[in-house]
Amino acid sequence: MTRLPPVPYEEWDEEVLRPLTGGRKIPPSNALGLLLNHPRLAKAFLGFSTPLVYRGTLPARIRELAVLRVAWRRRCRYEWSHHALSARRAGVTDEELAGVRRGDPTLVTRAVDELEDTSTLSDPTYAELAALLDERQLMEFVFTVGAYAMQAMVYNAFGVEPDEGMDDGGMPAAPKATPHTKPGTGPHTNSGTSPHTAPVTIPGTTPDAPSDTAPGTTPDAANPAHP
């Protein structure tokens, strides 16, 4: 359930959205409608996220697989629904999408899980990434995981629903948060797990395994309304 109503489409400030749209007309988006409640924040954030995603050097397949792993771990239905489309356009197969949900130990999944669990990368995983990516791509990979983890937190906290007609892949709802009554206590304390990493089984999949765009491109014309 949406906690902060999105700004109505007819009231959107096109100048605020210009870092994403370049002045183009784009369809309604629950995420952008939420962001537009805070125009200065929206413009600053889009100025960061748009070049990272649409004018970066990280290969699109790797980027989308990383974003989807973040979305699945954090049970962010909005993020999954948009990036599953982008991933398919980047050549990601249905079996690979299922592997993201299962937690198959691919390099991308292992790297995302390490970043999410520990806020760093192990030496072996870093070495594998460095053998695949150049320095700028490696930086973009870590920034992408962090940026979409933040977005997942925002969309879940404010109850942003997938846009009309978007498929969330049968994702279960994010776990309900519980109040933290004392400093240093709560579901994230010394447990090694957190609500967004809890295994969940959906039809046709198995629970997650334990964790162990080229320059000059523009947002996907069929899916432009997600930062």
Protein backbone atom coordinates (compact mmCIF):
# COMPACT_ATOMS: atom_id res chain seq x y z
CA MET A 1 0.00 0.00 0.00
CA THR A 2 1.40 3.38 -1.03
CA ARG A 3 2.37 5.51 1.95
CA LEU A 4 3.25 8.68 0.03
CA PRO A 5 0.93 9.42 -2.90
CA PRO A 6 2.75 10.06 -6.19
CA VAL A 7 2.50 13.48 -7.82
CA PRO A 8 -0.28 13.27 -10.47
CA TYR A 9 1.06 12.82 -13.99
CA GLU A 10 -0.49 16.05 -15.23
CA GLU A 11 1.44 17.95 -12.55
CA TRP A 12 4.88 16.55 -13.38
CA ASP A 13 7.66 19.13 -13.70
CA GLU A 14 9.43 18.26 -16.94
CA GLU A 15 12.46 20.37 -16.04
CA VAL A 16 13.06 18.30 -12.91
CA LEU A 17 12.95 15.11 -15.03
CA ARG A 18 15.22 16.46 -17.77
CA PRO A 19 18.35 14.58 -16.58
CA LEU A 20 16.44 11.35 -17.32
CA THR A 21 14.23 12.33 -20.23
CA GLY A 22 16.27 14.90 -22.15
CA GLY A 23 12.99 16.76 -22.64
CA ARG A 24 11.14 13.75 -24.11
CA LYS A 25 7.61 12.90 -23.04
CA ILE A 26 7.58 9.70 -21.02
CA PRO A 27 4.72 7.55 -19.71
CA PRO A 28 3.47 7.62 -16.11
CA SER A 29 5.70 5.99 -13.51
CA ASN A 30 4.96 5.36 -9.86
CA ALA A 31 8.66 5.74 -9.02
CA LEU A 32 8.99 9.13 -10.70
CA GLY A 33 5.68 10.23 -9.23
CA LEU A 34 7.12 9.49 -5.79
CA LEU A 35 10.41 11.29 -6.47
CA LEU A 36 8.60 14.40 -7.68
CA ASN A 37 7.27 14.96 -4.16
CA HIS A 38 10.79 16.34 -3.55
CA PRO A 39 11.84 18.11 -6.78
CA ARG A 40 15.32 19.17 -5.69
CA LEU A 41 16.13 15.66 -4.47
CA ALA A 42 14.62 14.14 -7.62
CA LYS A 43 16.73 16.28 -9.95
CA ALA A 44 19.93 15.59 -8.02
CA PHE A 45 19.30 11.86 -7.89
CA LEU A 46 18.41 11.58 -11.57
CA GLY A 47 21.55 13.53 -12.40
CA PHE A 48 23.53 10.77 -10.68
CA SER A 49 21.61 7.64 -11.66
CA THR A 50 20.96 8.39 -15.34
CA PRO A 51 24.62 8.68 -16.44
CA LEU A 52 25.52 5.66 -14.28
CA VAL A 53 22.93 3.43 -15.93
CA TYR A 54 22.49 4.80 -19.44
CA ARG A 55 25.86 6.35 -20.26
CA GLY A 56 28.16 4.05 -18.34
CA THR A 57 30.60 1.45 -19.61
CA LEU A 58 29.41 -1.57 -17.63
CA PRO A 59 28.00 -4.19 -20.05
CA ALA A 60 24.20 -4.12 -20.00
CA ARG A 61 23.84 -7.85 -19.23
CA ILE A 62 26.05 -7.59 -16.16
CA ARG A 63 24.34 -4.43 -15.01
CA GLU A 64 20.84 -5.87 -15.30
CA LEU A 65 21.73 -9.17 -13.64
CA ALA A 66 23.22 -7.21 -10.73
CA VAL A 67 20.17 -4.97 -10.40
CA LEU A 68 17.83 -7.96 -10.50
CA ARG A 69 19.77 -9.77 -7.78
CA VAL A 70 19.49 -6.67 -5.59
CA ALA A 71 15.77 -6.42 -6.35
CA TRP A 72 15.15 -10.10 -5.56
CA ARG A 73 17.11 -10.11 -2.31
CA ARG A 74 15.31 -6.99 -1.13
CA ARG A 75 11.92 -8.17 -2.40
CA CYS A 76 11.45 -4.98 -4.41
CA ARG A 77 8.61 -5.71 -6.80
CA TYR A 78 8.87 -2.37 -8.59
CA GLU A 79 12.56 -2.73 -9.34
CA TRP A 80 12.23 -6.34 -10.50
CA SER A 81 9.31 -5.63 -12.83
CA HIS A 82 11.17 -2.91 -14.73
CA HIS A 83 14.58 -4.52 -14.88
CA ALA A 84 13.34 -7.96 -15.91
CA LEU A 85 12.23 -6.26 -19.14
CA SER A 86 15.54 -4.45 -19.55
CA ALA A 87 17.43 -7.67 -18.84
CA ARG A 88 15.58 -9.59 -21.54
CA ARG A 89 16.39 -6.82 -24.03
CA ALA A 90 20.03 -7.18 -23.02
CA GLY A 91 19.93 -10.89 -23.85
CA VAL A 92 19.28 -12.36 -20.40
CA THR A 93 17.32 -15.62 -20.69
CA ASP A 94 14.39 -16.87 -18.62
CA GLU A 95 16.67 -19.53 -17.14
CA GLU A 96 19.14 -16.86 -16.06
CA LEU A 97 16.30 -14.91 -14.44
CA ALA A 98 15.30 -18.06 -12.57
CA GLY A 99 18.92 -18.45 -11.53
CA VAL A 100 18.92 -14.96 -10.05
CA ARG A 101 15.88 -15.91 -7.99
CA ARG A 102 17.44 -19.20 -6.87
CA GLY A 103 20.75 -17.60 -6.02
CA ASP A 104 22.81 -19.67 -8.47
CA PRO A 105 26.47 -18.96 -7.62
CA THR A 106 27.41 -16.99 -10.74
CA LEU A 107 30.09 -14.32 -10.41
CA VAL A 108 27.54 -11.50 -10.55
CA THR A 109 25.29 -13.07 -7.93
CA ARG A 110 28.19 -13.85 -5.61
CA ALA A 111 29.52 -10.31 -5.94
CA VAL A 112 26.12 -8.73 -5.25
CA ASP A 113 25.54 -11.00 -2.27
CA GLU A 114 28.94 -10.13 -0.79
CA LEU A 115 28.34 -6.41 -1.22
CA GLU A 116 24.87 -6.67 0.28
CA ASP A 117 25.97 -8.87 3.20
CA THR A 118 29.31 -7.28 4.07
CA SER A 119 29.55 -3.95 2.21
CA THR A 120 32.77 -5.18 0.60
CA LEU A 121 34.16 -7.84 -1.76
CA SER A 122 36.31 -10.81 -0.86
CA ASP A 123 39.75 -10.96 -2.48
CA PRO A 124 38.84 -13.93 -4.74
CA THR A 125 35.62 -12.31 -5.97
CA TYR A 126 37.36 -8.99 -6.54
CA ALA A 127 40.06 -10.76 -8.56
CA GLU A 128 37.43 -12.50 -10.72
CA LEU A 129 35.64 -9.22 -11.39
CA ALA A 130 38.90 -7.42 -12.14
CA ALA A 131 39.75 -10.11 -14.71
CA LEU A 132 36.40 -9.48 -16.45
CA LEU A 133 35.97 -5.71 -16.08
CA ASP A 134 38.26 -2.73 -16.42
CA GLU A 135 38.70 -0.30 -13.54
CA ARG A 136 35.86 2.02 -14.56
CA GLN A 137 33.47 -0.87 -15.13
CA LEU A 138 34.40 -2.33 -11.76
CA MET A 139 33.64 0.99 -10.08
CA GLU A 140 30.34 1.22 -11.93
CA PHE A 141 29.43 -2.29 -10.82
CA VAL A 142 29.81 -1.41 -7.14
CA PHE A 143 28.05 1.94 -7.57
CA THR A 144 25.18 0.21 -9.42
CA VAL A 145 24.64 -2.32 -6.65
CA GLY A 146 24.65 0.46 -4.05
CA ALA A 147 22.37 2.76 -6.05
CA TYR A 148 19.74 0.08 -6.66
CA ALA A 149 19.91 -1.14 -3.08
CA MET A 150 19.05 2.40 -2.06
CA GLN A 151 16.23 2.59 -4.59
CA ALA A 152 14.82 -0.75 -3.42
CA MET A 153 14.81 0.60 0.13
CA VAL A 154 12.97 3.75 -1.00
CA TYR A 155 10.37 1.89 -3.07
CA ASN A 156 9.68 -0.62 -0.31
CA ALA A 157 9.59 1.96 2.49
CA PHE A 158 7.07 4.14 0.64
CA GLY A 159 5.06 1.24 -0.77
CA VAL A 160 5.65 1.97 -4.47
CA GLU A 161 3.65 -0.52 -6.51
CA PRO A 162 4.69 -1.86 -9.94
CA ASP A 163 3.38 0.24 -12.79
CA GLU A 164 0.21 -0.93 -14.52
CA GLY A 165 0.79 -3.99 -16.68
CA MET A 166 4.24 -4.76 -15.27
CA ASP A 167 5.10 -8.30 -14.15
CA ASP A 168 6.85 -8.69 -10.79
CA GLY A 169 7.74 -12.33 -11.48
CA GLY A 170 5.60 -13.67 -8.65
CA MET A 171 7.79 -11.99 -6.06
CA PRO A 172 6.55 -12.25 -2.48
CA ALA A 173 5.97 -9.00 -0.63
CA ALA A 174 8.87 -7.57 1.36
CA PRO A 175 8.89 -8.70 5.01
CA LYS A 176 7.19 -6.39 7.47
CA ALA A 177 9.66 -4.27 9.40
CA THR A 178 9.72 -4.61 13.18
CA PRO A 179 10.45 -1.65 15.47
CA HIS A 180 13.94 -1.45 16.93
CA THR A 181 13.48 -0.68 20.61
CA LYS A 182 17.11 -0.55 21.74
CA PRO A 183 20.35 0.50 20.06
CA GLY A 184 22.17 -2.50 18.67
CA THR A 185 19.15 -4.81 18.63
CA GLY A 186 16.76 -5.92 15.95
CA PRO A 187 16.69 -8.25 12.97
CA HIS A 188 20.04 -7.09 11.54
CA THR A 189 22.11 -7.57 14.72
CA ASN A 190 24.85 -10.23 14.62
CA SER A 191 22.57 -12.69 12.91
CA GLY A 192 24.38 -13.03 9.61
CA THR A 193 21.05 -12.63 7.85
CA SER A 194 18.44 -9.93 7.36
CA PRO A 195 14.81 -9.84 6.27
CA HIS A 196 15.72 -9.12 2.66
CA THR A 197 17.92 -12.22 2.44
CA ALA A 198 15.42 -14.73 3.86
CA PRO A 199 14.83 -17.60 1.42
CA VAL A 200 11.37 -17.59 -0.12
CA THR A 201 10.04 -20.25 -2.47
CA ILE A 202 7.73 -19.41 -5.36
CA PRO A 203 6.19 -21.83 -7.85
CA GLY A 204 8.79 -23.21 -10.24
CA THR A 205 11.81 -22.12 -8.22
CA THR A 206 13.83 -23.23 -5.21
CA PRO A 207 14.97 -21.14 -2.24
CA ASP A 208 18.08 -19.00 -2.58
CA ALA A 209 21.36 -20.77 -2.04
CA PRO A 210 23.50 -19.41 0.81
CA SER A 211 25.59 -16.40 -0.07
CA ASP A 212 29.10 -17.36 -0.41
CA THR A 213 24.99 0.21 -21.81
CA ALA A 214 27.51 1.41 -23.64
CA PRO A 215 28.65 5.11 -23.72
CA GLY A 216 26.20 7.47 -25.37
CA THR A 217 23.15 5.26 -24.97
CA THR A 218 19.80 6.53 -23.72
CA PRO A 219 17.03 4.99 -21.63
CA ASP A 220 15.22 2.11 -23.29
CA ALA A 221 12.44 3.65 -25.34
CA ALA A 222 10.01 0.98 -24.17
CA ASN A 223 11.02 1.25 -20.53
CA PRO A 224 12.27 4.80 -19.87
CA ALA A 225 10.42 5.70 -16.71
CA HIS A 226 12.65 4.08 -14.11
CA PRO A 227 15.75 5.88 -12.83
